[in-house]
Amino acid sequence: MATPIPCNWSGVFPAATTQFDEASNVDIAATKAVQAALIRDGVHGMIALGTVGENNSLNADEKRAVLKAAVETSAKRVPIITGVSEFTTPNAVAFAKDAERLGADGLMVLPAMVYVPNAAELEHHFRTIARATSLPIMLYNNPPAYRVNIEVSTLERLAEEPNIVAIKESAPDPRRFTDIANAFGDRFILFAGLDDVAFEGLCLGARGWVSGLTNAFPKESLALYAALKAGDLEKARKIYRWFMPLLHLDAEHDLVQTIKLAEQIMGRGSERVRSPRLILSGDRRAQVTAMVKEAAATRPV
């Protein structure tokens, strides 16, 4: 294994939303306002252009504009990690190079979209991107969403790349955190990537949490992290149990719509999404609205 390049990522990193105007154009001013509010609330870092940021709904120029906005908004106050989510490896390499030029602090690299790779293809994709940039890289493992798992054997080979420093683990099985720690020690920084397994991941050695619902409830997310870091399990359990109905939304297929609706109800952004996604309606909208209002009325911190 190669010695990883220095990287001190830890804490709560919201996957920030991308805001749209009524004509479905990217609204950079509104996007920057959302980003700035999260930083003011005290988040430790930010993911631009993740799943909740609707990366794959944006064209190439829009992606670069959203990333540029995040870098400008942060002004080096917190690290900005950008999602790298493309159909092909050459396109991913091109975006990674542009992200470095635009001032991103790191990359969160996803498998190539749509095509389901075998282990050799997945390794080639990640390794090629890593060798095209000097930025630190977080690999994003989400088998339910992307239909491929980054196996321990693949991670063993990718550990040869010094700038692959972190793993966002979104498998629903928390045993992955222990398996990776047993296999690699502290070679990789672990991040909990599924909101409703965040408590378990952080207890099992994750140093950070890439979160969707932080967009709507940042103070509670930060309080949960702080309680776990301080070893106050009683307080952490209280917050987590209050939060869990909303955290389950992060694991649903309509997580973008539900999180953006929650964000809007809490006065933090707009629920507008880009088609083929549509804003929630009917029973689902009523259900999520009731959940958010109940959570807001019973906030534990």
Protein backbone atom coordinates (compact mmCIF):
# COMPACT_ATOMS: atom_id res chain seq x y z
CA MET A 1 0.00 0.00 0.00
CA ALA A 2 1.16 3.50 -0.78
CA THR A 3 1.34 6.10 1.96
CA PRO A 4 -1.63 8.40 1.32
CA ILE A 5 -1.10 12.08 0.69
CA PRO A 6 -1.92 14.27 3.72
CA CYS A 7 -5.65 14.84 4.18
CA ASN A 8 -7.53 15.95 7.29
CA TRP A 9 -11.13 15.55 6.16
CA SER A 10 -13.51 14.87 9.04
CA GLY A 11 -16.91 15.97 10.33
CA VAL A 12 -20.22 16.71 8.64
CA PHE A 13 -20.06 17.33 4.89
CA PRO A 14 -23.52 18.08 3.46
CA ALA A 15 -24.19 17.09 -0.13
CA ALA A 16 -25.41 20.57 -1.05
CA THR A 17 -28.36 21.08 -3.37
CA THR A 18 -28.23 22.79 -6.75
CA GLN A 19 -30.91 25.45 -7.01
CA PHE A 20 -33.03 26.09 -10.13
CA ASP A 21 -35.17 29.00 -11.25
CA GLU A 22 -38.75 28.67 -12.49
CA ALA A 23 -37.52 27.97 -16.05
CA SER A 24 -35.36 25.10 -14.74
CA ASN A 25 -32.11 26.98 -15.32
CA VAL A 26 -29.38 26.67 -12.69
CA ASP A 27 -29.75 29.60 -10.30
CA ILE A 28 -26.17 30.35 -9.26
CA ALA A 29 -27.10 33.12 -6.82
CA ALA A 30 -29.58 30.87 -5.00
CA THR A 31 -27.11 27.97 -5.06
CA LYS A 32 -24.44 30.15 -3.47
CA ALA A 33 -26.93 31.30 -0.83
CA VAL A 34 -27.65 27.68 0.13
CA GLN A 35 -23.93 26.92 0.27
CA ALA A 36 -23.17 30.01 2.35
CA ALA A 37 -25.92 29.22 4.86
CA LEU A 38 -24.50 25.75 5.48
CA ILE A 39 -21.02 27.16 6.05
CA ARG A 40 -22.40 29.76 8.46
CA ASP A 41 -24.13 26.93 10.35
CA GLY A 42 -20.75 25.35 10.96
CA VAL A 43 -20.44 22.36 8.61
CA HIS A 44 -16.92 20.97 8.35
CA GLY A 45 -16.86 20.61 4.55
CA MET A 46 -19.17 20.44 1.58
CA ILE A 47 -19.91 18.14 -1.34
CA ALA A 48 -20.81 19.98 -4.53
CA LEU A 49 -22.45 18.05 -7.37
CA GLY A 50 -23.30 14.93 -5.44
CA THR A 51 -26.50 12.97 -5.93
CA VAL A 52 -28.48 15.59 -4.01
CA GLY A 53 -26.73 18.25 -6.11
CA GLU A 54 -28.27 16.61 -9.22
CA ASN A 55 -24.89 16.14 -10.89
CA ASN A 56 -26.20 13.95 -13.68
CA SER A 57 -29.00 16.39 -14.50
CA LEU A 58 -26.53 19.15 -15.36
CA ASN A 59 -24.60 19.78 -18.55
CA ALA A 60 -20.84 20.20 -18.57
CA ASP A 61 -20.87 24.00 -18.33
CA GLU A 62 -23.44 23.97 -15.53
CA LYS A 63 -21.37 21.54 -13.49
CA ARG A 64 -18.35 23.76 -13.73
CA ALA A 65 -20.40 26.84 -12.83
CA VAL A 66 -21.82 25.18 -9.71
CA LEU A 67 -18.36 24.04 -8.62
CA LYS A 68 -16.92 27.51 -9.23
CA ALA A 69 -19.72 28.95 -7.09
CA ALA A 70 -18.95 26.57 -4.24
CA VAL A 71 -15.23 27.38 -4.33
CA GLU A 72 -15.99 31.11 -4.31
CA THR A 73 -18.54 30.78 -1.51
CA SER A 74 -16.24 28.75 0.70
CA ALA A 75 -13.23 31.01 0.17
CA LYS A 76 -11.16 28.24 1.80
CA ARG A 77 -13.23 28.28 4.99
CA VAL A 78 -14.16 24.61 4.48
CA PRO A 79 -12.95 22.01 1.96
CA ILE A 80 -15.03 21.71 -1.21
CA ILE A 81 -15.20 18.20 -2.64
CA THR A 82 -16.88 17.80 -5.99
CA GLY A 83 -18.69 14.77 -7.31
CA VAL A 84 -17.16 13.23 -10.45
CA SER A 85 -20.03 11.40 -12.11
CA GLU A 86 -19.77 10.83 -15.86
CA PHE A 87 -20.71 8.25 -18.48
CA THR A 88 -17.12 7.59 -19.56
CA THR A 89 -13.68 7.59 -18.02
CA PRO A 90 -12.30 10.25 -20.43
CA ASN A 91 -15.15 12.60 -19.50
CA ALA A 92 -14.48 11.96 -15.82
CA VAL A 93 -10.79 12.71 -16.31
CA ALA A 94 -11.63 15.96 -18.11
CA PHE A 95 -13.90 17.07 -15.27
CA ALA A 96 -11.34 16.07 -12.62
CA LYS A 97 -8.72 18.23 -14.34
CA ASP A 98 -11.13 21.15 -14.58
CA ALA A 99 -12.11 20.73 -10.94
CA GLU A 100 -8.48 21.04 -9.90
CA ARG A 101 -8.08 24.14 -12.07
CA LEU A 102 -11.25 25.68 -10.57
CA GLY A 103 -9.93 25.28 -7.04
CA ALA A 104 -11.72 22.22 -5.68
CA ASP A 105 -10.09 20.70 -2.62
CA GLY A 106 -10.92 17.12 -3.54
CA LEU A 107 -12.94 14.75 -5.68
CA MET A 108 -15.69 12.30 -4.80
CA VAL A 109 -15.43 9.79 -7.64
CA LEU A 110 -18.35 7.60 -8.64
CA PRO A 111 -18.34 4.58 -10.95
CA ALA A 112 -19.13 5.41 -14.56
CA MET A 113 -22.85 6.01 -14.92
CA VAL A 114 -25.34 3.60 -16.55
CA TYR A 115 -22.80 0.92 -17.52
CA VAL A 116 -22.21 -1.65 -14.78
CA PRO A 117 -18.50 -2.48 -14.76
CA ASN A 118 -16.72 -5.62 -13.71
CA ALA A 119 -13.99 -5.35 -11.08
CA ALA A 120 -11.21 -4.69 -13.59
CA GLU A 121 -13.20 -1.95 -15.32
CA LEU A 122 -14.11 -0.31 -12.03
CA GLU A 123 -10.48 -0.32 -10.91
CA HIS A 124 -9.34 1.09 -14.27
CA HIS A 125 -11.88 3.93 -14.02
CA PHE A 126 -10.81 4.95 -10.52
CA ARG A 127 -7.08 4.53 -11.15
CA THR A 128 -7.14 6.51 -14.40
CA ILE A 129 -8.87 9.44 -12.72
CA ALA A 130 -6.50 9.31 -9.75
CA ARG A 131 -3.47 9.50 -12.02
CA ALA A 132 -4.91 12.49 -13.91
CA THR A 133 -5.00 14.78 -10.86
CA SER A 134 -3.06 15.62 -7.73
CA LEU A 135 -6.24 16.20 -5.72
CA PRO A 136 -7.19 13.85 -2.88
CA ILE A 137 -9.96 11.45 -3.85
CA MET A 138 -12.89 9.95 -1.99
CA LEU A 139 -14.30 6.83 -3.64
CA TYR A 140 -18.07 6.58 -3.48
CA ASN A 141 -19.39 3.09 -2.80
CA ASN A 142 -23.16 2.78 -3.17
CA PRO A 143 -24.12 -0.69 -4.41
CA PRO A 144 -27.92 -0.19 -4.28
CA ALA A 145 -27.74 2.92 -6.47
CA TYR A 146 -24.93 2.04 -8.88
CA ARG A 147 -25.23 -1.76 -8.95
CA VAL A 148 -21.54 -2.36 -8.29
CA ASN A 149 -19.67 -2.88 -5.03
CA ILE A 150 -16.06 -1.83 -4.49
CA GLU A 151 -14.74 -5.11 -3.16
CA VAL A 152 -11.93 -5.29 -0.61
CA SER A 153 -9.74 -6.92 -3.25
CA THR A 154 -10.26 -3.90 -5.53
CA LEU A 155 -9.46 -1.53 -2.67
CA GLU A 156 -6.23 -3.46 -2.04
CA ARG A 157 -5.03 -2.60 -5.54
CA LEU A 158 -6.32 0.98 -5.43
CA ALA A 159 -4.43 1.53 -2.17
CA GLU A 160 -1.36 1.80 -4.41
CA GLU A 161 -2.60 5.25 -5.51
CA PRO A 162 -1.49 7.77 -2.87
CA ASN A 163 -4.19 10.33 -3.66
CA ILE A 164 -7.04 7.85 -3.15
CA VAL A 165 -7.43 8.75 0.50
CA ALA A 166 -11.08 8.22 1.52
CA ILE A 167 -14.17 6.09 1.01
CA LYS A 168 -17.75 7.27 1.26
CA GLU A 169 -19.48 4.08 2.32
CA SER A 170 -23.16 3.96 1.39
CA ALA A 171 -23.74 0.24 1.54
CA PRO A 172 -26.67 -0.33 3.93
CA ASP A 173 -24.67 -2.97 5.82
CA PRO A 174 -22.63 -1.29 8.60
CA ARG A 175 -20.31 -4.30 8.77
CA ARG A 176 -18.46 -2.74 5.82
CA PHE A 177 -16.88 -0.15 8.12
CA THR A 178 -15.29 -2.83 10.27
CA ASP A 179 -14.27 -4.99 7.31
CA ILE A 180 -12.48 -2.05 5.69
CA ALA A 181 -10.82 -1.03 8.95
CA ASN A 182 -9.66 -4.60 9.57
CA ALA A 183 -8.27 -4.87 6.05
CA PHE A 184 -6.57 -1.48 5.80
CA GLY A 185 -6.19 0.06 9.25
CA ASP A 186 -6.17 3.81 8.82
CA ARG A 187 -5.08 3.76 5.15
CA PHE A 188 -8.48 5.15 4.09
CA ILE A 189 -10.51 7.87 5.79
CA LEU A 190 -14.00 6.45 6.16
CA PHE A 191 -17.13 8.55 5.70
CA ALA A 192 -20.66 7.41 6.47
CA GLY A 193 -22.58 8.01 3.27
CA LEU A 194 -26.09 6.82 4.07
CA ASP A 195 -27.94 9.07 6.50
CA ASP A 196 -29.81 6.31 8.29
CA VAL A 197 -26.60 4.38 9.01
CA ALA A 198 -24.62 7.47 10.08
CA PHE A 199 -24.68 6.71 13.82
CA GLU A 200 -23.42 3.19 13.23
CA GLY A 201 -20.73 4.30 10.78
CA LEU A 202 -19.41 7.02 13.07
CA CYS A 203 -19.34 4.62 16.02
CA LEU A 204 -17.46 2.07 13.93
CA GLY A 205 -14.62 4.34 12.91
CA ALA A 206 -15.89 6.72 10.23
CA ARG A 207 -14.27 10.14 10.62
CA GLY A 208 -16.98 11.96 8.74
CA TRP A 209 -20.52 11.92 7.40
CA VAL A 210 -21.62 12.93 3.89
CA SER A 211 -25.20 13.91 4.62
CA GLY A 212 -28.34 14.76 2.68
CA LEU A 213 -30.69 15.84 5.48
CA THR A 214 -28.12 18.29 6.82
CA ASN A 215 -29.46 20.59 4.10
CA ALA A 216 -32.66 20.94 6.12
CA PHE A 217 -31.45 20.35 9.69
CA PRO A 218 -27.77 21.33 9.92
CA LYS A 219 -27.69 22.10 13.65
CA GLU A 220 -29.06 18.69 14.58
CA SER A 221 -26.61 16.93 12.24
CA LEU A 222 -23.70 18.81 13.78
CA ALA A 223 -24.99 18.09 17.29
CA LEU A 224 -25.21 14.37 16.51
CA TYR A 225 -21.65 14.33 15.23
CA ALA A 226 -20.38 16.34 18.20
CA ALA A 227 -22.11 14.05 20.70
CA LEU A 228 -20.59 10.95 19.14
CA LYS A 229 -17.16 12.55 18.99
CA ALA A 230 -17.46 13.43 22.68
CA GLY A 231 -18.60 9.90 23.55
CA ASP A 232 -22.00 11.10 24.76
CA LEU A 233 -23.98 8.14 23.46
CA GLU A 234 -27.12 9.01 25.39
CA LYS A 235 -27.38 12.43 23.74
CA ALA A 236 -26.43 11.00 20.35
CA ARG A 237 -29.10 8.30 20.56
CA LYS A 238 -31.72 10.89 21.50
CA ILE A 239 -30.89 13.02 18.46
CA TYR A 240 -30.63 10.01 16.15
CA ARG A 241 -33.98 8.56 17.19
CA TRP A 242 -35.63 11.94 16.64
CA PHE A 243 -33.91 12.26 13.25
CA MET A 244 -34.39 8.72 11.94
CA PRO A 245 -37.75 9.10 10.17
CA LEU A 246 -36.21 11.86 8.04
CA LEU A 247 -32.88 10.10 7.65
CA HIS A 248 -34.66 7.15 6.04
CA LEU A 249 -35.56 9.50 3.17
CA ASP A 250 -31.90 9.53 2.11
CA ALA A 251 -32.15 5.85 1.22
CA GLU A 252 -35.23 6.20 -1.01
CA HIS A 253 -35.25 6.60 -4.78
CA ASP A 254 -36.81 10.07 -4.49
CA LEU A 255 -34.23 11.36 -2.01
CA VAL A 256 -33.50 14.48 -4.07
CA GLN A 257 -37.13 15.58 -4.13
CA THR A 258 -37.76 14.75 -0.47
CA ILE A 259 -34.60 16.48 0.77
CA LYS A 260 -35.27 19.57 -1.33
CA LEU A 261 -38.87 19.71 -0.08
CA ALA A 262 -37.57 19.47 3.50
CA GLU A 263 -35.08 22.22 2.69
CA GLN A 264 -37.88 24.44 1.38
CA ILE A 265 -40.17 23.84 4.36
CA MET A 266 -37.31 24.83 6.65
CA GLY A 267 -36.77 28.04 4.68
CA ARG A 268 -33.37 27.07 3.34
CA GLY A 269 -33.90 26.61 -0.41
CA SER A 270 -36.32 25.69 -3.17
CA GLU A 271 -37.80 22.29 -3.90
CA ARG A 272 -37.45 22.81 -7.67
CA VAL A 273 -35.75 19.89 -9.41
CA ARG A 274 -34.84 19.23 -13.02
CA SER A 275 -36.87 16.69 -14.98
CA PRO A 276 -37.24 13.81 -15.31
CA ARG A 277 -37.52 14.38 -11.58
CA LEU A 278 -40.69 16.17 -10.56
CA ILE A 279 -41.53 17.83 -7.26
CA LEU A 280 -43.49 15.63 -4.89
CA SER A 281 -47.26 15.55 -5.10
CA GLY A 282 -50.24 13.75 -3.61
CA ASP A 283 -49.83 11.37 -0.70
CA ARG A 284 -46.03 11.34 -0.84
CA ARG A 285 -45.86 15.13 -0.57
CA ALA A 286 -48.30 15.12 2.33
CA GLN A 287 -46.34 12.36 4.07
CA VAL A 288 -42.97 14.11 3.78
CA THR A 289 -44.42 17.50 4.71
CA ALA A 290 -45.95 16.04 7.86
CA MET A 291 -42.65 14.36 8.78
CA VAL A 292 -40.66 17.56 8.38
CA LYS A 293 -43.17 19.65 10.34
CA GLU A 294 -43.25 17.09 13.14
CA ALA A 295 -39.45 17.08 13.27
CA ALA A 296 -39.34 20.89 13.30
CA ALA A 297 -41.82 21.01 16.18
CA THR A 298 -39.89 18.51 18.32
CA ARG A 299 -36.28 19.52 17.61
CA PRO A 300 -33.96 18.12 20.30
CA VAL A 301 -31.34 20.90 20.05
